[in-house]
Amino acid sequence: MAETCYSKGRKIVLLSEQKRDGTWICRFTIPGMWDAGLRGPRDATMDAYATEWEAKTAAFETAKRRLDEPHEVKSANSPGRTP
C-alpha cells in the first residue's frame, strides 16, 4: 500500500510490502528527483523489519537524507534523460 509523506516541502511516496516470512520492507520514491543510479522505487535498507511501521520509518528517514544530498532534478521529458 502506498502512503504519501512530506519533508522540506517535497513529496515522498512510501511503498510497503510484507514478505512471505512475515517481515516488512519499504521502498520510497521522491517525484521529480532523478539521478543515474535511481531508476525506480528504492529500498530504505536491505534489512527486513518486524513491523510495517519500522520499515516505513526507515524508508522515510533514508528519503529525508536523500533530500539533503546534492542531486539533479529533471523533468520526465528533459533532454539527456534515459528511460
Protein backbone atom coordinates (compact mmCIF):
# COMPACT_ATOMS: atom_id res chain seq x y z
CA MET A 1 0.00 0.00 0.00
CA ALA A 2 1.32 3.46 -0.89
CA GLU A 3 1.47 6.26 1.64
CA THR A 4 2.36 9.88 0.92
CA CYS A 5 4.53 11.91 3.31
CA TYR A 6 6.25 15.28 3.01
CA SER A 7 9.64 16.60 4.09
CA LYS A 8 11.03 20.05 3.34
CA GLY A 9 8.05 20.66 1.07
CA ARG A 10 8.85 17.61 -1.08
CA LYS A 11 6.53 14.67 -1.59
CA ILE A 12 7.80 11.22 -0.56
CA VAL A 13 5.82 8.13 -1.53
CA LEU A 14 6.36 5.08 0.69
CA LEU A 15 5.57 1.63 -0.72
CA SER A 16 5.48 -1.03 1.99
CA GLU A 17 5.29 -4.75 1.37
CA GLN A 18 5.06 -7.76 3.64
CA LYS A 19 7.31 -10.64 2.67
CA ARG A 20 6.29 -14.31 2.88
CA ASP A 21 8.19 -14.74 6.14
CA GLY A 22 6.05 -12.02 7.77
CA THR A 23 8.73 -9.29 7.77
CA TRP A 24 8.30 -5.92 6.10
CA ILE A 25 10.28 -3.91 3.56
CA CYS A 26 9.53 -0.41 2.35
CA ARG A 27 10.64 1.36 -0.81
CA PHE A 28 10.31 5.06 -1.50
CA THR A 29 10.14 7.44 -4.41
CA ILE A 30 10.56 11.20 -4.46
CA PRO A 31 8.67 12.54 -7.50
CA GLY A 32 10.81 14.87 -9.58
CA MET A 33 14.10 13.59 -8.22
CA TRP A 34 16.23 11.71 -10.67
CA ASP A 35 19.81 10.55 -10.89
CA ALA A 36 21.61 7.97 -12.98
CA GLY A 37 21.56 5.38 -10.23
CA LEU A 38 17.92 5.67 -9.22
CA ARG A 39 15.55 4.17 -11.78
CA GLY A 40 12.56 3.44 -9.59
CA PRO A 41 11.49 2.76 -6.03
CA ARG A 42 14.41 2.28 -3.69
CA ASP A 43 14.71 0.16 -0.58
CA ALA A 44 15.34 2.07 2.61
CA THR A 45 17.86 -0.59 3.57
CA MET A 46 18.48 -4.19 2.65
CA ASP A 47 17.02 -5.18 6.03
CA ALA A 48 13.57 -6.53 6.65
CA TYR A 49 11.66 -5.20 9.64
CA ALA A 50 9.36 -6.88 12.13
CA THR A 51 6.62 -4.28 11.66
CA GLU A 52 5.32 -2.17 8.82
CA TRP A 53 5.83 0.95 10.97
CA GLU A 54 9.56 0.21 11.41
CA ALA A 55 10.00 -0.36 7.67
CA LYS A 56 8.19 2.88 6.78
CA THR A 57 10.13 4.86 9.38
CA ALA A 58 13.46 3.59 7.99
CA ALA A 59 12.40 4.41 4.42
CA PHE A 60 11.24 7.90 5.38
CA GLU A 61 14.50 8.63 7.23
CA THR A 62 16.51 7.47 4.21
CA ALA A 63 14.38 9.58 1.87
CA LYS A 64 14.94 12.66 4.07
CA ARG A 65 18.71 12.07 3.90
CA ARG A 66 18.44 11.86 0.08
CA LEU A 67 16.79 15.27 0.07
CA ASP A 68 19.80 16.66 1.94
CA GLU A 69 22.28 15.25 -0.60
CA PRO A 70 23.19 17.18 -3.75
CA HIS A 71 21.01 15.87 -6.56
CA GLU A 72 19.93 16.58 -10.07
CA VAL A 73 16.29 17.37 -10.73
CA LYS A 74 14.99 16.79 -14.25
CA SER A 75 11.54 16.53 -15.66
CA ALA A 76 10.46 13.32 -17.33
CA ASN A 77 10.78 14.90 -20.79
CA SER A 78 14.05 16.78 -20.35
CA PRO A 79 16.88 16.12 -22.81
CA GLY A 80 19.53 13.68 -21.66
CA ARG A 81 17.20 11.57 -19.56
CA THR A 82 17.39 7.89 -20.36
CA PRO A 83 14.43 5.60 -19.78
